[in-house]
């Protein structure tokens, strides 16, 4: 079968590349495994810049680790991010360097003292003080990720939460994979093709806006101002919205901004209602979906977390039937990007998308978002191997 080249409309290039250089804790299933690896990394002198920096930790392990446990195994600043990217656990040295205290939203505290667990926007407090990898190694990691993407049929990615310097480094590679950066809010500069904003948190920590709960990470007025600016300056505004109440917030902001066309896109839309999908379809608002995020905790665990809301999770089939402009993303490194694994998670949705042709269309139609025309074709074999022609 021949199809157009793939586009990953929600890919964390910097995070995916850095995870190749950091202490990878993806395979750890116990706290003891994590602490042992942190101790070994510390004894080797740290990851880079005198810090121990880890990633891809399972969220349950992160909830079981405190700053005191990390203090016992390293005298260096330690920061470990979970695989979902919305939580980190740090030690006392990192807290001291970063000035983290209980006055900040997202800092978990007990009796007025930080536990070492940081959620969502609070993670930036530490991240701003963390060293960057050596430039040569970072560029090499970018190239390795882009090479792997290309070999699996991806010729364009939308790189979420990017920084300007990283975009410049990626451009210097002149790679066959076209990278379109969506900048962090604090890193946004005029001329950026897109910005990534957050309306709420995530499902697994209960911070998605739904059922009257969750964390509101932006207000309607600020979001509407970004949408107006996007229309005036010609950049796209991608908004992370997991819960249905977050999508309500985004719609209100969109209407406050005068309903600017081809500016807003919604990332995830994990929990939705029929009226919202009908609205998105009527307004032509694009949605990027990532069924593979289930991999970060395991499918059965994910179902357990959502409970009765599981049946409303990522209604891709309904979106298609109602005429929503929906596109595939991996959310890497949260979810997988290779076709065989991608197809697996579409088939595991509450309303399965189990025909290959539909999944291939979702993966190859993202070119529309930035109005580009792909060149070339892919060959997809019966066993779901991909070859760039």
Protein backbone atom coordinates (compact mmCIF):
# COMPACT_ATOMS: atom_id res chain seq x y z
CA UNK A 1 0.00 0.00 0.00
CA UNK A 2 1.25 3.50 -0.88
CA UNK A 3 0.36 6.58 1.18
CA UNK A 4 1.49 10.15 1.69
CA UNK A 5 4.37 10.72 4.13
CA UNK A 6 3.41 10.88 7.80
CA UNK A 7 3.12 14.00 9.97
CA UNK A 8 3.33 13.83 13.76
CA UNK A 9 1.26 16.81 14.85
CA UNK A 10 2.23 16.61 18.54
CA UNK A 11 5.84 15.61 19.16
CA UNK A 12 8.18 16.78 21.94
CA UNK A 13 11.46 16.88 20.03
CA UNK A 14 13.57 18.48 22.73
CA UNK A 15 12.26 16.17 25.44
CA UNK A 16 12.59 13.06 23.26
CA UNK A 17 16.15 14.00 22.29
CA UNK A 18 17.19 14.89 25.83
CA UNK A 19 15.84 11.59 27.11
CA UNK A 20 18.59 9.92 25.06
CA UNK A 21 21.17 11.83 27.09
CA UNK A 22 19.54 11.65 30.52
CA UNK A 23 19.22 8.88 33.07
CA UNK A 24 16.50 6.72 31.53
CA UNK A 25 14.24 5.26 34.22
CA UNK A 26 11.58 3.82 31.94
CA UNK A 27 12.40 0.21 32.82
CA UNK A 28 12.44 0.72 36.60
CA UNK A 29 9.49 -0.90 38.36
CA UNK A 30 10.58 -0.33 41.98
CA UNK A 31 11.73 2.61 44.08
CA UNK A 32 14.89 0.65 44.87
CA UNK A 33 15.74 0.46 41.15
CA UNK A 34 15.33 4.23 40.79
CA UNK A 35 17.47 5.06 43.83
CA UNK A 36 20.18 2.62 42.75
CA UNK A 37 20.41 4.21 39.31
CA UNK A 38 20.46 7.72 40.78
CA UNK A 39 23.28 6.70 43.13
CA UNK A 40 25.31 5.24 40.26
CA UNK A 41 24.75 8.32 38.11
CA UNK A 42 25.81 10.58 40.96
CA UNK A 43 28.95 8.56 41.62
CA UNK A 44 29.87 8.93 37.93
CA UNK A 45 29.78 12.72 38.38
CA UNK A 46 26.20 13.36 37.36
CA UNK A 47 24.42 13.50 34.02
CA UNK A 48 25.77 16.88 32.90
CA UNK A 49 26.51 20.22 34.51
CA UNK A 50 26.95 18.64 37.92
CA UNK A 51 23.27 17.54 38.13
CA UNK A 52 21.63 14.12 38.09
CA UNK A 53 18.84 14.48 35.54
CA UNK A 54 16.48 11.59 34.91
CA UNK A 55 13.34 11.07 32.86
CA UNK A 56 10.58 8.65 31.81
CA UNK A 57 9.80 7.60 35.40
CA UNK A 58 6.47 5.85 36.03
CA UNK A 59 4.11 8.19 37.88
CA UNK A 60 3.43 5.72 40.72
CA UNK A 61 7.12 5.51 41.52
CA UNK A 62 7.40 9.30 41.47
CA UNK A 63 4.59 9.49 44.03
CA UNK A 64 6.53 7.10 46.28
CA UNK A 65 9.83 9.03 46.16
CA UNK A 66 10.59 12.04 48.36
CA UNK A 67 13.42 14.54 48.44
CA UNK A 68 14.77 12.77 51.53
CA UNK A 69 15.15 9.47 49.65
CA UNK A 70 17.01 11.24 46.86
CA UNK A 71 19.19 13.10 49.40
CA UNK A 72 20.36 9.72 50.73
CA UNK A 73 21.76 8.63 47.37
CA UNK A 74 23.18 11.87 45.94
CA UNK A 75 24.86 15.01 47.20
CA UNK A 76 24.29 16.60 43.78
CA UNK A 77 21.09 18.36 42.69
CA UNK A 78 18.66 15.74 41.36
CA UNK A 79 15.61 16.19 39.12
CA UNK A 80 13.64 13.28 37.71
CA UNK A 81 10.66 13.79 35.39
CA UNK A 82 7.84 11.32 34.88
CA UNK A 83 7.07 9.86 31.49
CA UNK A 84 3.87 11.89 31.18
CA UNK A 85 5.94 15.08 31.60
CA UNK A 86 3.62 16.70 34.15
CA UNK A 87 5.44 15.78 37.35
CA UNK A 88 9.01 15.77 38.64
CA UNK A 89 10.60 14.71 41.91
CA UNK A 90 13.65 16.65 43.11
CA UNK A 91 16.01 16.56 46.08
CA UNK A 92 16.85 19.21 48.67
CA UNK A 93 19.85 20.52 46.72
CA UNK A 94 17.68 21.17 43.64
CA UNK A 95 15.03 22.83 45.82
CA UNK A 96 17.66 25.11 47.38
CA UNK A 97 19.18 26.10 44.03
CA UNK A 98 15.77 26.75 42.46
CA UNK A 99 14.20 28.64 45.35
CA UNK A 100 11.19 26.33 45.42
CA UNK A 101 8.79 26.90 48.31
CA UNK A 102 5.18 26.27 49.18
CA UNK A 103 3.99 29.65 47.90
CA UNK A 104 4.11 28.34 44.33
CA UNK A 105 1.16 26.56 42.78
CA UNK A 106 1.98 22.96 41.87
CA UNK A 107 4.54 22.48 44.68
CA UNK A 108 3.41 19.59 46.88
CA UNK A 109 3.91 20.39 50.56
CA UNK A 110 3.27 18.71 53.91
CA UNK A 111 2.99 21.00 56.94
CA UNK A 112 4.46 23.87 54.93
CA UNK A 113 7.52 21.94 53.70
CA UNK A 114 8.05 20.84 50.05
CA UNK A 115 8.04 17.06 49.62
CA UNK A 116 10.14 17.26 46.46
CA UNK A 117 7.22 16.53 44.14
CA UNK A 118 6.44 19.24 41.60
CA UNK A 119 3.46 19.33 39.26
CA UNK A 120 3.12 21.00 35.85
CA UNK A 121 4.00 24.73 35.94
CA UNK A 122 5.98 24.27 39.19
CA UNK A 123 8.44 22.07 37.28
CA UNK A 124 9.63 25.18 35.44
CA UNK A 125 11.02 26.56 38.70
CA UNK A 126 13.66 23.84 38.66
CA UNK A 127 13.98 23.52 34.90
CA UNK A 128 15.10 27.15 34.60
CA UNK A 129 18.07 26.40 36.85
CA UNK A 130 19.00 23.06 35.31
CA UNK A 131 22.00 22.98 32.97
CA UNK A 132 21.67 22.20 29.27
CA UNK A 133 23.54 19.27 27.75
CA UNK A 134 26.71 20.07 25.79
CA UNK A 135 25.63 21.55 22.44
CA UNK A 136 27.39 18.87 20.39
CA UNK A 137 25.67 16.06 22.26
CA UNK A 138 22.30 17.80 22.03
CA UNK A 139 22.57 18.28 18.28
CA UNK A 140 23.60 14.64 17.94
CA UNK A 141 20.53 13.57 19.92
CA UNK A 142 18.25 15.70 17.73
CA UNK A 143 19.74 14.09 14.64
CA UNK A 144 19.30 10.58 16.04
CA UNK A 145 15.61 11.21 16.75
CA UNK A 146 14.98 12.83 13.36
CA UNK A 147 16.81 9.99 11.57
CA UNK A 148 14.58 7.47 13.35
CA UNK A 149 11.46 9.46 12.48
CA UNK A 150 12.46 9.63 8.81
CA UNK A 151 13.14 5.91 8.64
CA UNK A 152 9.61 5.34 9.95
CA UNK A 153 7.97 7.57 7.35
CA UNK A 154 7.66 10.93 9.14
CA UNK A 155 8.64 13.91 7.01
CA UNK A 156 7.13 16.60 9.23
CA UNK A 157 6.67 17.01 12.99
CA UNK A 158 5.09 19.75 15.06
CA UNK A 159 7.55 20.18 17.93
CA UNK A 160 5.66 21.20 21.06
CA UNK A 161 7.08 23.32 23.91
CA UNK A 162 10.14 24.32 21.91
CA UNK A 163 12.72 27.00 22.65
CA UNK A 164 14.23 29.36 20.08
CA UNK A 165 17.84 28.14 20.55
CA UNK A 166 16.77 24.54 19.99
CA UNK A 167 14.94 25.49 16.81
CA UNK A 168 18.09 27.18 15.53
CA UNK A 169 20.13 24.06 16.30
CA UNK A 170 17.62 21.85 14.51
CA UNK A 171 17.60 24.15 11.46
CA UNK A 172 21.37 23.84 11.28
CA UNK A 173 20.95 20.11 10.61
CA UNK A 174 19.03 20.79 7.38
CA UNK A 175 17.28 17.48 7.95
CA UNK A 176 14.79 15.80 5.61
CA UNK A 177 12.23 15.90 8.44
CA UNK A 178 10.64 19.35 8.50
CA UNK A 179 10.35 20.56 12.10
CA UNK A 180 7.67 23.18 12.89
CA UNK A 181 8.21 24.52 16.42
CA UNK A 182 5.43 25.51 18.79
CA UNK A 183 7.20 27.63 21.39
CA UNK A 184 6.80 27.65 25.13
CA UNK A 185 4.98 30.79 26.25
CA UNK A 186 8.04 32.15 28.08
CA UNK A 187 10.26 31.49 25.03
CA UNK A 188 7.93 32.87 22.36
CA UNK A 189 9.36 35.51 20.03
CA UNK A 190 7.87 37.23 17.03
CA UNK A 191 8.33 35.11 13.92
CA UNK A 192 7.63 31.80 15.64
CA UNK A 193 5.20 29.65 13.61
CA UNK A 194 3.31 28.51 16.70
CA UNK A 195 2.89 28.68 20.46
CA UNK A 196 1.89 25.93 22.92
CA UNK A 197 -0.36 26.92 25.83
CA UNK A 198 -1.98 24.90 28.62
CA UNK A 199 -5.62 25.15 29.68
CA UNK A 200 -5.44 22.36 32.27
CA UNK A 201 -3.39 19.47 33.58
CA UNK A 202 -3.61 15.73 32.90
CA UNK A 203 -5.92 12.82 33.63
CA UNK A 204 -3.62 10.67 35.76
CA UNK A 205 -3.08 13.32 38.47
CA UNK A 206 -6.66 14.56 38.51
CA UNK A 207 -5.53 17.97 37.23
CA UNK A 208 -7.52 17.85 33.98
CA UNK A 209 -10.54 20.18 34.17
CA UNK A 210 -13.54 17.85 34.43
CA UNK A 211 -16.23 16.89 36.92
CA UNK A 212 -15.78 20.24 38.67
CA UNK A 213 -12.15 19.47 39.53
CA UNK A 214 -8.68 20.04 38.06
CA UNK A 215 -6.21 22.90 37.60
CA UNK A 216 -6.97 25.91 35.42
CA UNK A 217 -3.63 26.92 33.92
CA UNK A 218 -4.74 29.90 31.82
CA UNK A 219 -7.75 32.20 31.92
CA UNK A 220 -10.06 33.00 29.03
CA UNK A 221 -8.89 36.59 28.67
CA UNK A 222 -5.20 35.73 28.33
CA UNK A 223 -5.95 32.92 25.88
CA UNK A 224 -8.20 35.18 23.81
CA UNK A 225 -5.38 37.74 23.60
CA UNK A 226 -3.01 35.08 22.26
CA UNK A 227 -5.60 34.07 19.68
CA UNK A 228 -6.03 37.67 18.54
CA UNK A 229 -2.26 38.08 18.32
CA UNK A 230 -1.98 34.82 16.41
CA UNK A 231 -4.47 36.08 13.84
CA UNK A 232 -2.63 39.41 13.50
CA UNK A 233 0.90 37.96 13.29
CA UNK A 234 0.14 34.72 11.46
CA UNK A 235 1.08 32.05 14.01
CA UNK A 236 -0.91 29.06 15.27
CA UNK A 237 -2.05 28.66 18.89
CA UNK A 238 -2.03 25.06 20.13
CA UNK A 239 -3.87 24.62 23.43
CA UNK A 240 -3.48 21.60 25.68
CA UNK A 241 -7.02 20.78 26.81
CA UNK A 242 -7.58 17.36 28.39
CA UNK A 243 -10.91 17.69 30.19
CA UNK A 244 -14.26 18.76 28.75
CA UNK A 245 -14.32 21.80 31.06
CA UNK A 246 -10.95 22.85 29.63
CA UNK A 247 -12.46 22.63 26.15
CA UNK A 248 -15.34 24.84 27.36
CA UNK A 249 -12.73 27.37 28.51
CA UNK A 250 -10.97 27.27 25.14
CA UNK A 251 -14.26 27.76 23.26
CA UNK A 252 -15.14 30.77 25.42
CA UNK A 253 -11.74 32.31 24.71
CA UNK A 254 -12.12 31.59 20.99
CA UNK A 255 -15.46 33.42 20.96
CA UNK A 256 -14.06 36.33 23.00
CA UNK A 257 -11.32 36.65 20.35
CA UNK A 258 -13.90 36.94 17.55
CA UNK A 259 -13.57 33.34 16.32
CA UNK A 260 -10.31 33.78 14.38
CA UNK A 261 -10.03 31.18 11.62
CA UNK A 262 -7.00 28.91 11.18
CA UNK A 263 -5.39 30.05 14.41
CA UNK A 264 -6.65 27.76 17.18
CA UNK A 265 -5.94 24.07 17.43
CA UNK A 266 -6.74 21.82 20.40
CA UNK A 267 -4.27 19.26 21.69
CA UNK A 268 -5.55 15.97 23.19
CA UNK A 269 -9.31 16.64 23.63
CA UNK A 270 -9.19 13.56 25.84
CA UNK A 271 -12.64 13.89 27.43
CA UNK A 272 -15.37 15.50 25.31
CA UNK A 273 -19.12 15.91 24.94
CA UNK A 274 -21.20 15.66 21.77
CA UNK A 275 -22.03 19.38 21.76
CA UNK A 276 -18.33 20.23 21.87
CA UNK A 277 -17.45 17.95 18.97
CA UNK A 278 -20.30 19.40 16.93
CA UNK A 279 -19.03 22.91 17.68
CA UNK A 280 -15.43 22.07 16.73
CA UNK A 281 -16.67 20.57 13.47
CA UNK A 282 -18.83 23.59 12.61
CA UNK A 283 -15.99 26.02 13.32
CA UNK A 284 -13.31 23.99 11.54
CA UNK A 285 -11.12 23.88 14.67
CA UNK A 286 -8.36 21.29 14.32
CA UNK A 287 -7.73 18.63 16.96
CA UNK A 288 -4.58 16.59 17.50
CA UNK A 289 -5.17 13.24 19.23
CA UNK A 290 -2.69 10.84 20.82
CA UNK A 291 -4.17 7.47 21.85
CA UNK A 292 -0.65 6.23 22.62
CA UNK A 293 -0.53 8.28 25.85
CA UNK A 294 -2.07 5.20 27.45
CA UNK A 295 1.34 3.53 27.16
CA UNK A 296 2.83 5.86 29.79
CA UNK A 297 0.95 4.10 32.61
CA UNK A 298 -0.44 0.97 30.95
CA UNK A 299 -3.87 0.49 29.40
CA UNK A 300 -5.55 -1.24 32.33
CA UNK A 301 -4.16 1.32 34.78
CA UNK A 302 -5.41 4.07 32.51
CA UNK A 303 -8.90 2.57 32.45
CA UNK A 304 -8.85 2.30 36.24
CA UNK A 305 -7.85 5.95 36.63
CA UNK A 306 -10.65 7.15 34.34
CA UNK A 307 -13.34 4.89 35.75
CA UNK A 308 -16.72 5.73 34.16
CA UNK A 309 -15.07 8.45 32.06
CA UNK A 310 -13.16 5.77 30.11
CA UNK A 311 -16.04 5.50 27.65
CA UNK A 312 -15.54 9.20 26.78
CA UNK A 313 -11.78 8.95 26.30
CA UNK A 314 -10.37 10.27 23.02
CA UNK A 315 -13.43 9.79 20.82
CA UNK A 316 -11.58 9.70 17.53
CA UNK A 317 -14.24 7.63 15.78
CA UNK A 318 -16.95 10.10 16.82
CA UNK A 319 -14.78 13.04 15.78
CA UNK A 320 -14.40 11.61 12.30
CA UNK A 321 -18.11 10.83 11.96
CA UNK A 322 -19.09 14.35 13.11
CA UNK A 323 -16.68 16.02 10.70
CA UNK A 324 -14.05 17.31 13.13
CA UNK A 325 -10.67 18.04 11.52
CA UNK A 326 -8.69 15.47 13.48
CA UNK A 327 -5.02 14.53 13.10
CA UNK A 328 -2.61 12.08 14.69
CA UNK A 329 0.14 12.90 17.14
CA UNK A 330 2.30 10.69 19.33
CA UNK A 331 3.07 13.03 22.26
CA UNK A 332 6.53 11.38 22.21
CA UNK A 333 8.16 10.38 24.49
CA UNK A 334 4.84 9.85 26.30
CA UNK A 335 3.50 7.67 23.48
CA UNK A 336 5.03 5.72 20.58
CA UNK A 337 5.33 7.00 17.02
CA UNK A 338 6.07 3.90 14.92
CA UNK A 339 3.10 2.71 12.86
CA UNK A 340 2.78 -0.76 14.36
CA UNK A 341 2.58 0.62 17.92
CA UNK A 342 0.40 3.57 16.89
CA UNK A 343 -2.17 1.27 15.28
CA UNK A 344 -2.24 -0.86 18.43
CA UNK A 345 -3.46 2.04 20.58
CA UNK A 346 -6.08 3.23 18.10
CA UNK A 347 -7.53 -0.28 18.27
CA UNK A 348 -7.60 -0.13 22.09
CA UNK A 349 -9.75 3.02 22.28
CA UNK A 350 -13.25 2.66 23.83
CA UNK A 351 -14.60 3.12 20.31
CA UNK A 352 -11.81 1.39 18.39
CA UNK A 353 -10.36 2.79 15.19
CA UNK A 354 -9.43 -0.61 13.89
CA UNK A 355 -9.18 -0.11 10.14
CA UNK A 356 -5.67 0.61 8.90
CA UNK A 357 -6.78 2.94 6.13
CA UNK A 358 -8.34 5.38 8.61
CA UNK A 359 -5.26 5.38 10.86
CA UNK A 360 -2.98 5.97 7.88
CA UNK A 361 -5.15 8.92 6.85
CA UNK A 362 -4.91 10.38 10.38
CA UNK A 363 -1.13 10.00 10.23
CA UNK A 364 -0.68 11.46 6.75
CA UNK A 365 -3.15 14.37 6.66
CA UNK A 366 -1.43 16.71 9.12
CA UNK A 367 0.14 18.54 6.19
CA UNK A 368 -3.13 20.47 5.97
CA UNK A 369 -2.55 22.31 9.25
CA UNK A 370 0.21 24.50 7.85
CA UNK A 371 -1.05 24.40 4.27
CA UNK A 372 1.83 22.38 2.87
CA UNK A 373 1.91 19.79 0.12
CA UNK A 374 3.99 16.67 0.76
CA UNK A 375 6.36 15.30 -1.81
CA UNK A 376 7.06 11.61 -2.21
CA UNK A 377 5.28 8.53 -0.96
CA UNK A 378 5.57 5.76 1.60
CA UNK A 379 5.19 2.05 1.08
CA UNK A 380 3.43 0.25 3.93
CA UNK A 381 3.81 -3.52 4.00
CA UNK A 382 1.29 -6.07 5.27
CA UNK A 383 3.26 -6.39 8.53
CA UNK A 384 3.15 -2.57 8.98
CA UNK A 385 6.76 -1.87 8.08
CA UNK A 386 7.28 1.51 6.40
CA UNK A 387 9.65 2.51 3.63
CA UNK A 388 10.21 6.00 2.22
CA UNK A 389 10.12 5.87 -1.59
